Amino acid sequence: MMMTLYRKWNRPGTRVPSAILILWLLAVTAVNAQGTGDAYLDALETEARAITHLENAERLDTSGGTRSEAVMERKYVTPGLTMEEFERELDQRFGGTSMIYQRLSDEAKQSIYNDYQDDNRISVIRRNVAFSL
């Protein structure tokens, strides 16, 4: 339909109407683009509205279990884990790091696990995972 209008108005001597048509189409497109929302941002706003007070927020239980406060604050991975436990903890507590870690070769995973045994800071583990890609 738009091409038909364009051909009809794009005859010699009718350049001004075709320019007006193009400007009108650009304006309509710009107005429609402003009206569409971003689904991700909408989800974040909905989640933020649900947690209006601290009473609604879930708290980490630091009293039970064997993890120290530093581990619960997500600065460290629990020390002394087997490789399977290490991978499970990455998956449960550090999903983004785990997702990248799962793409690595077995040799790279073993190297990262060996480094974890010397230094269990998550920042070091994340750096090693990123550099192993």
C-alpha atoms as a PDB file:
ATOM      1  CA  MET A   1       0.000   0.000   0.000  1.00  0.00           C
ATOM      2  CA  MET A   2       2.790   2.424   0.894  1.00  0.00           C
ATOM      3  CA  MET A   3       4.610   1.673  -2.351  1.00  0.00           C
ATOM      4  CA  THR A   4       1.420   2.331  -4.286  1.00  0.00           C
ATOM      5  CA  LEU A   5       1.056   5.730  -2.640  1.00  0.00           C
ATOM      6  CA  TYR A   6       4.730   6.428  -3.209  1.00  0.00           C
ATOM      7  CA  ARG A   7       4.497   5.575  -6.928  1.00  0.00           C
ATOM      8  CA  LYS A   8       1.312   7.596  -7.295  1.00  0.00           C
ATOM      9  CA  TRP A   9       2.867  10.667  -5.684  1.00  0.00           C
ATOM     10  CA  ASN A  10       6.372  10.235  -7.066  1.00  0.00           C
ATOM     11  CA  ARG A  11       5.731  11.527 -10.547  1.00  0.00           C
ATOM     12  CA  PRO A  12       7.651  14.386 -12.127  1.00  0.00           C
ATOM     13  CA  GLY A  13       6.441  17.613 -10.598  1.00  0.00           C
ATOM     14  CA  THR A  14       5.126  15.960  -7.419  1.00  0.00           C
ATOM     15  CA  ARG A  15       8.343  15.774  -5.401  1.00  0.00           C
ATOM     16  CA  VAL A  16       6.994  17.938  -2.581  1.00  0.00           C
ATOM     17  CA  PRO A  17       4.051  15.626  -1.735  1.00  0.00           C
ATOM     18  CA  SER A  18       6.361  12.586  -1.679  1.00  0.00           C
ATOM     19  CA  ALA A  19       8.729  14.413   0.691  1.00  0.00           C
ATOM     20  CA  ILE A  20       5.772  15.249   2.918  1.00  0.00           C
ATOM     21  CA  LEU A  21       4.709  11.589   2.843  1.00  0.00           C
ATOM     22  CA  ILE A  22       8.183  10.463   3.919  1.00  0.00           C
ATOM     23  CA  LEU A  23       8.276  13.009   6.757  1.00  0.00           C
ATOM     24  CA  TRP A  24       4.802  11.932   7.881  1.00  0.00           C
ATOM     25  CA  LEU A  25       5.876   8.259   7.934  1.00  0.00           C
ATOM     26  CA  LEU A  26       8.949   9.118   9.992  1.00  0.00           C
ATOM     27  CA  ALA A  27       6.840  11.072  12.488  1.00  0.00           C
ATOM     28  CA  VAL A  28       4.317   8.236  12.875  1.00  0.00           C
ATOM     29  CA  THR A  29       7.130   5.717  13.392  1.00  0.00           C
ATOM     30  CA  ALA A  30       8.779   7.911  16.035  1.00  0.00           C
ATOM     31  CA  VAL A  31       5.512   8.319  17.956  1.00  0.00           C
ATOM     32  CA  ASN A  32       4.894   4.553  17.908  1.00  0.00           C
ATOM     33  CA  ALA A  33       8.446   3.817  19.039  1.00  0.00           C
ATOM     34  CA  GLN A  34       7.990   5.989  22.119  1.00  0.00           C
ATOM     35  CA  GLY A  35       4.833   4.140  23.117  1.00  0.00           C
ATOM     36  CA  THR A  36       6.396   0.683  23.240  1.00  0.00           C
ATOM     37  CA  GLY A  37       7.850  -0.402  26.569  1.00  0.00           C
ATOM     38  CA  ASP A  38      10.852  -2.516  27.343  1.00  0.00           C
ATOM     39  CA  ALA A  39       9.731  -5.817  28.873  1.00  0.00           C
ATOM     40  CA  TYR A  40      12.888  -6.150  30.967  1.00  0.00           C
ATOM     41  CA  LEU A  41      12.518  -2.669  32.446  1.00  0.00           C
ATOM     42  CA  ASP A  42       8.836  -3.300  33.101  1.00  0.00           C
ATOM     43  CA  ALA A  43       9.718  -6.482  35.010  1.00  0.00           C
ATOM     44  CA  LEU A  44      12.312  -4.613  37.084  1.00  0.00           C
ATOM     45  CA  GLU A  45       9.833  -1.865  37.908  1.00  0.00           C
ATOM     46  CA  THR A  46       7.219  -4.435  38.940  1.00  0.00           C
ATOM     47  CA  GLU A  47       9.717  -6.180  41.188  1.00  0.00           C
ATOM     48  CA  ALA A  48      10.832  -2.875  42.719  1.00  0.00           C
ATOM     49  CA  ARG A  49       7.223  -1.919  43.450  1.00  0.00           C
ATOM     50  CA  ALA A  50       6.672  -5.266  45.218  1.00  0.00           C
ATOM     51  CA  ILE A  51       9.521  -4.521  47.640  1.00  0.00           C
ATOM     52  CA  THR A  52       8.372  -1.181  48.958  1.00  0.00           C
ATOM     53  CA  HIS A  53       9.459  -1.816  52.527  1.00  0.00           C
ATOM     54  CA  LEU A  54      12.301  -3.815  54.014  1.00  0.00           C
ATOM     55  CA  GLU A  55       9.751  -6.055  55.736  1.00  0.00           C
ATOM     56  CA  ASN A  56       8.870  -7.480  52.296  1.00  0.00           C
ATOM     57  CA  ALA A  57      12.483  -8.313  51.432  1.00  0.00           C
ATOM     58  CA  GLU A  58      13.806 -11.798  52.057  1.00  0.00           C
ATOM     59  CA  ARG A  59      16.727 -11.952  54.447  1.00  0.00           C
ATOM     60  CA  LEU A  60      19.658 -14.335  54.221  1.00  0.00           C
ATOM     61  CA  ASP A  61      19.788 -16.750  57.121  1.00  0.00           C
ATOM     62  CA  THR A  62      23.311 -16.332  58.467  1.00  0.00           C
ATOM     63  CA  SER A  63      22.614 -17.964  61.818  1.00  0.00           C
ATOM     64  CA  GLY A  64      22.351 -21.581  60.683  1.00  0.00           C
ATOM     65  CA  GLY A  65      24.731 -23.730  58.695  1.00  0.00           C
ATOM     66  CA  THR A  66      28.508 -23.727  58.461  1.00  0.00           C
ATOM     67  CA  ARG A  67      29.008 -20.715  56.232  1.00  0.00           C
ATOM     68  CA  SER A  68      30.655 -17.643  57.688  1.00  0.00           C
ATOM     69  CA  GLU A  69      29.253 -14.141  57.285  1.00  0.00           C
ATOM     70  CA  ALA A  70      31.780 -13.321  54.563  1.00  0.00           C
ATOM     71  CA  VAL A  71      30.616 -16.346  52.589  1.00  0.00           C
ATOM     72  CA  MET A  72      26.987 -15.346  53.040  1.00  0.00           C
ATOM     73  CA  GLU A  73      27.799 -11.842  51.783  1.00  0.00           C
ATOM     74  CA  ARG A  74      28.811 -13.395  48.443  1.00  0.00           C
ATOM     75  CA  LYS A  75      32.463 -12.389  48.692  1.00  0.00           C
ATOM     76  CA  TYR A  76      33.791 -15.914  49.023  1.00  0.00           C
ATOM     77  CA  VAL A  77      32.923 -19.405  47.880  1.00  0.00           C
ATOM     78  CA  THR A  78      32.720 -21.864  50.770  1.00  0.00           C
ATOM     79  CA  PRO A  79      36.244 -23.260  51.290  1.00  0.00           C
ATOM     80  CA  GLY A  80      37.150 -26.956  51.154  1.00  0.00           C
ATOM     81  CA  LEU A  81      34.510 -28.160  48.691  1.00  0.00           C
ATOM     82  CA  THR A  82      34.937 -31.074  46.316  1.00  0.00           C
ATOM     83  CA  MET A  83      34.796 -30.209  42.627  1.00  0.00           C
ATOM     84  CA  GLU A  84      31.145 -31.340  42.412  1.00  0.00           C
ATOM     85  CA  GLU A  85      30.213 -29.270  45.478  1.00  0.00           C
ATOM     86  CA  PHE A  86      32.152 -26.308  44.076  1.00  0.00           C
ATOM     87  CA  GLU A  87      30.221 -26.497  40.788  1.00  0.00           C
ATOM     88  CA  ARG A  88      26.911 -26.865  42.655  1.00  0.00           C
ATOM     89  CA  GLU A  89      27.666 -23.807  44.801  1.00  0.00           C
ATOM     90  CA  LEU A  90      28.605 -21.777  41.725  1.00  0.00           C
ATOM     91  CA  ASP A  91      25.313 -22.799  40.142  1.00  0.00           C
ATOM     92  CA  GLN A  92      23.214 -22.005  43.217  1.00  0.00           C
ATOM     93  CA  ARG A  93      24.855 -18.777  44.365  1.00  0.00           C
ATOM     94  CA  PHE A  94      26.665 -17.323  41.350  1.00  0.00           C
ATOM     95  CA  GLY A  95      24.476 -18.157  38.356  1.00  0.00           C
ATOM     96  CA  GLY A  96      26.191 -15.902  35.824  1.00  0.00           C
ATOM     97  CA  THR A  97      29.642 -17.199  36.672  1.00  0.00           C
ATOM     98  CA  SER A  98      28.338 -20.764  36.584  1.00  0.00           C
ATOM     99  CA  MET A  99      26.797 -20.260  33.145  1.00  0.00           C
ATOM    100  CA  ILE A 100      30.156 -19.195  31.697  1.00  0.00           C
ATOM    101  CA  TYR A 101      32.035 -21.837  33.709  1.00  0.00           C
ATOM    102  CA  GLN A 102      29.878 -24.612  32.185  1.00  0.00           C
ATOM    103  CA  ARG A 103      31.060 -23.629  28.687  1.00  0.00           C
ATOM    104  CA  LEU A 104      34.722 -24.210  29.543  1.00  0.00           C
ATOM    105  CA  SER A 105      36.749 -27.297  28.706  1.00  0.00           C
ATOM    106  CA  ASP A 106      37.318 -29.912  31.401  1.00  0.00           C
ATOM    107  CA  GLU A 107      40.961 -28.843  31.657  1.00  0.00           C
ATOM    108  CA  ALA A 108      39.995 -25.207  32.241  1.00  0.00           C
ATOM    109  CA  LYS A 109      37.414 -26.246  34.855  1.00  0.00           C
ATOM    110  CA  GLN A 110      40.035 -28.303  36.674  1.00  0.00           C
ATOM    111  CA  SER A 111      42.473 -25.378  36.588  1.00  0.00           C
ATOM    112  CA  ILE A 112      39.849 -23.019  38.040  1.00  0.00           C
ATOM    113  CA  TYR A 113      39.020 -25.552  40.757  1.00  0.00           C
ATOM    114  CA  ASN A 114      42.707 -25.873  41.631  1.00  0.00           C
ATOM    115  CA  ASP A 115      43.020 -22.082  41.846  1.00  0.00           C
ATOM    116  CA  TYR A 116      39.877 -21.968  44.042  1.00  0.00           C
ATOM    117  CA  GLN A 117      41.599 -24.250  46.555  1.00  0.00           C
ATOM    118  CA  ASP A 118      44.321 -21.613  46.980  1.00  0.00           C
ATOM    119  CA  ASP A 119      42.080 -18.516  46.857  1.00  0.00           C
ATOM    120  CA  ASN A 120      38.312 -18.829  47.337  1.00  0.00           C
ATOM    121  CA  ARG A 121      37.395 -15.188  46.656  1.00  0.00           C
ATOM    122  CA  ILE A 122      34.613 -15.058  44.063  1.00  0.00           C
ATOM    123  CA  SER A 123      36.274 -12.076  42.366  1.00  0.00           C
ATOM    124  CA  VAL A 124      39.362 -14.206  41.646  1.00  0.00           C
ATOM    125  CA  ILE A 125      37.244 -17.147  40.476  1.00  0.00           C
ATOM    126  CA  ARG A 126      35.247 -14.877  38.153  1.00  0.00           C
ATOM    127  CA  ARG A 127      38.418 -13.411  36.692  1.00  0.00           C
ATOM    128  CA  ASN A 128      39.849 -16.896  36.093  1.00  0.00           C
ATOM    129  CA  VAL A 129      36.619 -18.027  34.428  1.00  0.00           C
ATOM    130  CA  ALA A 130      36.585 -14.973  32.157  1.00  0.00           C
ATOM    131  CA  PHE A 131      40.225 -15.391  31.151  1.00  0.00           C
ATOM    132  CA  SER A 132      39.681 -19.093  30.419  1.00  0.00           C
ATOM    133  CA  LEU A 133      37.172 -18.431  27.632  1.00  0.00           C
END
